[in-house]
C-alpha cells in the first residue's frame, strides 16, 4: 500500500467514526477503537474503551462532529498520528440544549489484526 492509499483509508475511517457516533452505531464505534484505547476528553476525563462506549451511550448524544483539515504522519508501517481541529455539537442525554465544543484532536491509529484502529484519542478545547 502507498502512503496516499493508507491516508485515504484513514480519512475514510475517521469519517466513519463521526458517522457512527452521530447515528449511534455503537457496534461500529467499538470496531474502530482498539481494546487498549486511552480516550482523553477535552474536560480531562480519561477513559478506556468500555467506559467511553458507555459514556457515549448514556451521557451524551452526538448531534454533529466537524473536522477541519487533518494532517496524518506515519511512523513505520503500522502507526499513524492524525491531528486537526474538531467541533462537536452535543446534547446531554435527557436534555434539550445543545453544546458546541471547538478544539483540537490527536488520534493515534495502529494497524493490527482488526485493521486500523484508534489506540489513543486526545481532545483539547480551543482557547477562548
C-alpha atoms as a PDB file:
ATOM      1  CA  UNK A   1       0.000   0.000   0.000  1.00  0.00           C
ATOM      2  CA  UNK A   2       1.137   3.513  -0.716  1.00  0.00           C
ATOM      3  CA  UNK A   3       1.137   6.375   1.751  1.00  0.00           C
ATOM      4  CA  UNK A   4      -1.585   8.044  -0.323  1.00  0.00           C
ATOM      5  CA  UNK A   5      -3.828   4.974  -0.222  1.00  0.00           C
ATOM      6  CA  UNK A   6      -3.378   4.499   3.536  1.00  0.00           C
ATOM      7  CA  UNK A   7      -4.044   8.212   4.071  1.00  0.00           C
ATOM      8  CA  UNK A   8      -7.274   7.906   2.093  1.00  0.00           C
ATOM      9  CA  UNK A   9      -8.244   4.815   4.104  1.00  0.00           C
ATOM     10  CA  UNK A  10      -7.621   6.573   7.437  1.00  0.00           C
ATOM     11  CA  UNK A  11      -9.590   9.648   6.360  1.00  0.00           C
ATOM     12  CA  UNK A  12     -12.483   7.364   5.382  1.00  0.00           C
ATOM     13  CA  UNK A  13     -12.280   5.582   8.745  1.00  0.00           C
ATOM     14  CA  UNK A  14     -12.341   8.918  10.568  1.00  0.00           C
ATOM     15  CA  UNK A  15     -15.429   9.892   8.571  1.00  0.00           C
ATOM     16  CA  UNK A  16     -16.930   6.534   9.565  1.00  0.00           C
ATOM     17  CA  UNK A  17     -16.162   7.217  13.258  1.00  0.00           C
ATOM     18  CA  UNK A  18     -18.003  10.524  13.045  1.00  0.00           C
ATOM     19  CA  UNK A  19     -20.976   8.953  11.245  1.00  0.00           C
ATOM     20  CA  UNK A  20     -21.193   6.067  13.688  1.00  0.00           C
ATOM     21  CA  UNK A  21     -21.235   8.355  16.734  1.00  0.00           C
ATOM     22  CA  UNK A  22     -23.888  10.683  15.299  1.00  0.00           C
ATOM     23  CA  UNK A  23     -26.050   7.749  14.141  1.00  0.00           C
ATOM     24  CA  UNK A  24     -25.469   5.875  17.418  1.00  0.00           C
ATOM     25  CA  UNK A  25     -23.959   2.870  15.649  1.00  0.00           C
ATOM     26  CA  UNK A  26     -22.018   1.769  18.729  1.00  0.00           C
ATOM     27  CA  UNK A  27     -21.013  -1.616  17.334  1.00  0.00           C
ATOM     28  CA  UNK A  28     -19.163   0.228  14.556  1.00  0.00           C
ATOM     29  CA  UNK A  29     -17.656   2.692  17.040  1.00  0.00           C
ATOM     30  CA  UNK A  30     -16.395  -0.290  19.057  1.00  0.00           C
ATOM     31  CA  UNK A  31     -14.752  -1.762  15.944  1.00  0.00           C
ATOM     32  CA  UNK A  32     -12.898   1.491  15.247  1.00  0.00           C
ATOM     33  CA  UNK A  33     -11.418   1.718  18.750  1.00  0.00           C
ATOM     34  CA  UNK A  34      -8.726  -0.699  19.925  1.00  0.00           C
ATOM     35  CA  UNK A  35      -9.333  -2.687  23.093  1.00  0.00           C
ATOM     36  CA  UNK A  36      -6.491  -0.812  24.828  1.00  0.00           C
ATOM     37  CA  UNK A  37      -7.896   2.618  23.907  1.00  0.00           C
ATOM     38  CA  UNK A  38      -6.992   5.641  26.017  1.00  0.00           C
ATOM     39  CA  UNK A  39      -9.576   8.387  25.399  1.00  0.00           C
ATOM     40  CA  UNK A  40      -8.889  11.831  26.866  1.00  0.00           C
ATOM     41  CA  UNK A  41     -11.860  14.216  26.694  1.00  0.00           C
ATOM     42  CA  UNK A  42     -11.499  17.988  26.440  1.00  0.00           C
ATOM     43  CA  UNK A  43     -12.521  18.136  30.122  1.00  0.00           C
ATOM     44  CA  UNK A  44      -9.540  15.991  31.114  1.00  0.00           C
ATOM     45  CA  UNK A  45     -11.668  12.910  31.788  1.00  0.00           C
ATOM     46  CA  UNK A  46      -9.658   9.809  30.844  1.00  0.00           C
ATOM     47  CA  UNK A  47     -11.484   6.634  29.831  1.00  0.00           C
ATOM     48  CA  UNK A  48     -10.775   3.222  28.400  1.00  0.00           C
ATOM     49  CA  UNK A  49     -12.809   1.685  25.599  1.00  0.00           C
ATOM     50  CA  UNK A  50     -15.625   0.233  27.714  1.00  0.00           C
ATOM     51  CA  UNK A  51     -16.010   3.428  29.740  1.00  0.00           C
ATOM     52  CA  UNK A  52     -16.029   5.624  26.629  1.00  0.00           C
ATOM     53  CA  UNK A  53     -18.654   3.482  24.890  1.00  0.00           C
ATOM     54  CA  UNK A  54     -20.864   3.587  27.988  1.00  0.00           C
ATOM     55  CA  UNK A  55     -20.384   7.376  28.198  1.00  0.00           C
ATOM     56  CA  UNK A  56     -21.374   7.819  24.543  1.00  0.00           C
ATOM     57  CA  UNK A  57     -24.446   5.621  25.011  1.00  0.00           C
ATOM     58  CA  UNK A  58     -25.699   7.020  28.299  1.00  0.00           C
ATOM     59  CA  UNK A  59     -24.311  10.506  28.976  1.00  0.00           C
ATOM     60  CA  UNK A  60     -24.241  12.433  25.684  1.00  0.00           C
ATOM     61  CA  UNK A  61     -25.793  12.486  22.254  1.00  0.00           C
ATOM     62  CA  UNK A  62     -23.512  13.479  19.378  1.00  0.00           C
ATOM     63  CA  UNK A  63     -25.513  15.733  17.063  1.00  0.00           C
ATOM     64  CA  UNK A  64     -22.629  16.619  14.737  1.00  0.00           C
ATOM     65  CA  UNK A  65     -18.856  16.191  14.549  1.00  0.00           C
ATOM     66  CA  UNK A  66     -17.000  18.519  12.208  1.00  0.00           C
ATOM     67  CA  UNK A  67     -13.331  18.152  11.361  1.00  0.00           C
ATOM     68  CA  UNK A  68     -11.043  20.674   9.726  1.00  0.00           C
ATOM     69  CA  UNK A  69      -8.040  19.762   7.618  1.00  0.00           C
ATOM     70  CA  UNK A  70      -6.387  16.652   9.007  1.00  0.00           C
ATOM     71  CA  UNK A  71      -2.658  16.006   8.988  1.00  0.00           C
ATOM     72  CA  UNK A  72      -1.552  12.371   9.039  1.00  0.00           C
ATOM     73  CA  UNK A  73       2.023  11.409   9.848  1.00  0.00           C
ATOM     74  CA  UNK A  74       3.313   7.849   9.640  1.00  0.00           C
ATOM     75  CA  UNK A  75       5.772   6.147  11.979  1.00  0.00           C
ATOM     76  CA  UNK A  76       6.739   2.849  10.428  1.00  0.00           C
ATOM     77  CA  UNK A  77       4.165   0.731   8.626  1.00  0.00           C
ATOM     78  CA  UNK A  78       1.651   0.313  11.427  1.00  0.00           C
ATOM     79  CA  UNK A  79       1.404   3.622  13.300  1.00  0.00           C
ATOM     80  CA  UNK A  80      -0.180   6.862  12.132  1.00  0.00           C
ATOM     81  CA  UNK A  81      -0.881  10.065  14.038  1.00  0.00           C
ATOM     82  CA  UNK A  82      -3.844  12.143  12.848  1.00  0.00           C
ATOM     83  CA  UNK A  83      -4.188  15.727  14.074  1.00  0.00           C
ATOM     84  CA  UNK A  84      -6.601  18.537  13.336  1.00  0.00           C
ATOM     85  CA  UNK A  85      -9.395  20.740  14.528  1.00  0.00           C
ATOM     86  CA  UNK A  86     -12.671  19.282  15.670  1.00  0.00           C
ATOM     87  CA  UNK A  87     -16.028  20.748  16.641  1.00  0.00           C
ATOM     88  CA  UNK A  88     -18.521  18.542  18.452  1.00  0.00           C
ATOM     89  CA  UNK A  89     -22.145  19.506  18.838  1.00  0.00           C
ATOM     90  CA  UNK A  90     -23.500  17.535  21.789  1.00  0.00           C
ATOM     91  CA  UNK A  91     -26.568  17.284  23.957  1.00  0.00           C
ATOM     92  CA  UNK A  92     -26.664  15.707  27.389  1.00  0.00           C
ATOM     93  CA  UNK A  93     -28.983  12.689  27.413  1.00  0.00           C
ATOM     94  CA  UNK A  94     -32.382  13.803  28.620  1.00  0.00           C
ATOM     95  CA  UNK A  95     -31.570  17.456  27.986  1.00  0.00           C
ATOM     96  CA  UNK A  96     -32.824  19.816  25.337  1.00  0.00           C
ATOM     97  CA  UNK A  97     -29.929  22.251  24.962  1.00  0.00           C
ATOM     98  CA  UNK A  98     -27.082  21.566  22.553  1.00  0.00           C
ATOM     99  CA  UNK A  99     -23.475  22.493  23.293  1.00  0.00           C
ATOM    100  CA  UNK A 100     -20.740  23.220  20.727  1.00  0.00           C
ATOM    101  CA  UNK A 101     -17.221  22.328  21.720  1.00  0.00           C
ATOM    102  CA  UNK A 102     -14.426  23.555  19.465  1.00  0.00           C
ATOM    103  CA  UNK A 103     -10.944  22.217  19.850  1.00  0.00           C
ATOM    104  CA  UNK A 104      -8.116  20.106  18.527  1.00  0.00           C
ATOM    105  CA  UNK A 105      -7.804  16.326  18.453  1.00  0.00           C
ATOM    106  CA  UNK A 106      -4.848  13.985  18.235  1.00  0.00           C
ATOM    107  CA  UNK A 107      -5.549  10.380  17.296  1.00  0.00           C
ATOM    108  CA  UNK A 108      -3.064   7.526  17.217  1.00  0.00           C
ATOM    109  CA  UNK A 109      -4.080   4.823  14.732  1.00  0.00           C
ATOM    110  CA  UNK A 110      -2.371   1.442  14.759  1.00  0.00           C
ATOM    111  CA  UNK A 111      -2.644  -1.402  12.280  1.00  0.00           C
ATOM    112  CA  UNK A 112      -3.235  -4.877  13.695  1.00  0.00           C
ATOM    113  CA  UNK A 113      -5.374  -7.983  13.263  1.00  0.00           C
ATOM    114  CA  UNK A 114      -8.554  -5.852  13.190  1.00  0.00           C
ATOM    115  CA  UNK A 115      -7.100  -3.427  10.626  1.00  0.00           C
ATOM    116  CA  UNK A 116      -6.624   0.238  11.501  1.00  0.00           C
ATOM    117  CA  UNK A 117      -7.950   1.212  14.927  1.00  0.00           C
ATOM    118  CA  UNK A 118      -7.636   4.210  17.228  1.00  0.00           C
ATOM    119  CA  UNK A 119      -5.486   3.382  20.260  1.00  0.00           C
ATOM    120  CA  UNK A 120      -5.323   6.912  21.643  1.00  0.00           C
ATOM    121  CA  UNK A 121      -7.638   9.897  21.259  1.00  0.00           C
ATOM    122  CA  UNK A 122      -6.855  13.196  22.965  1.00  0.00           C
ATOM    123  CA  UNK A 123      -9.084  16.236  22.623  1.00  0.00           C
ATOM    124  CA  UNK A 124      -8.312  19.763  23.796  1.00  0.00           C
ATOM    125  CA  UNK A 125     -10.544  22.811  23.870  1.00  0.00           C
ATOM    126  CA  UNK A 126      -9.885  25.811  21.676  1.00  0.00           C
ATOM    127  CA  UNK A 127      -8.642  28.816  23.670  1.00  0.00           C
ATOM    128  CA  UNK A 128     -11.302  31.421  24.414  1.00  0.00           C
END
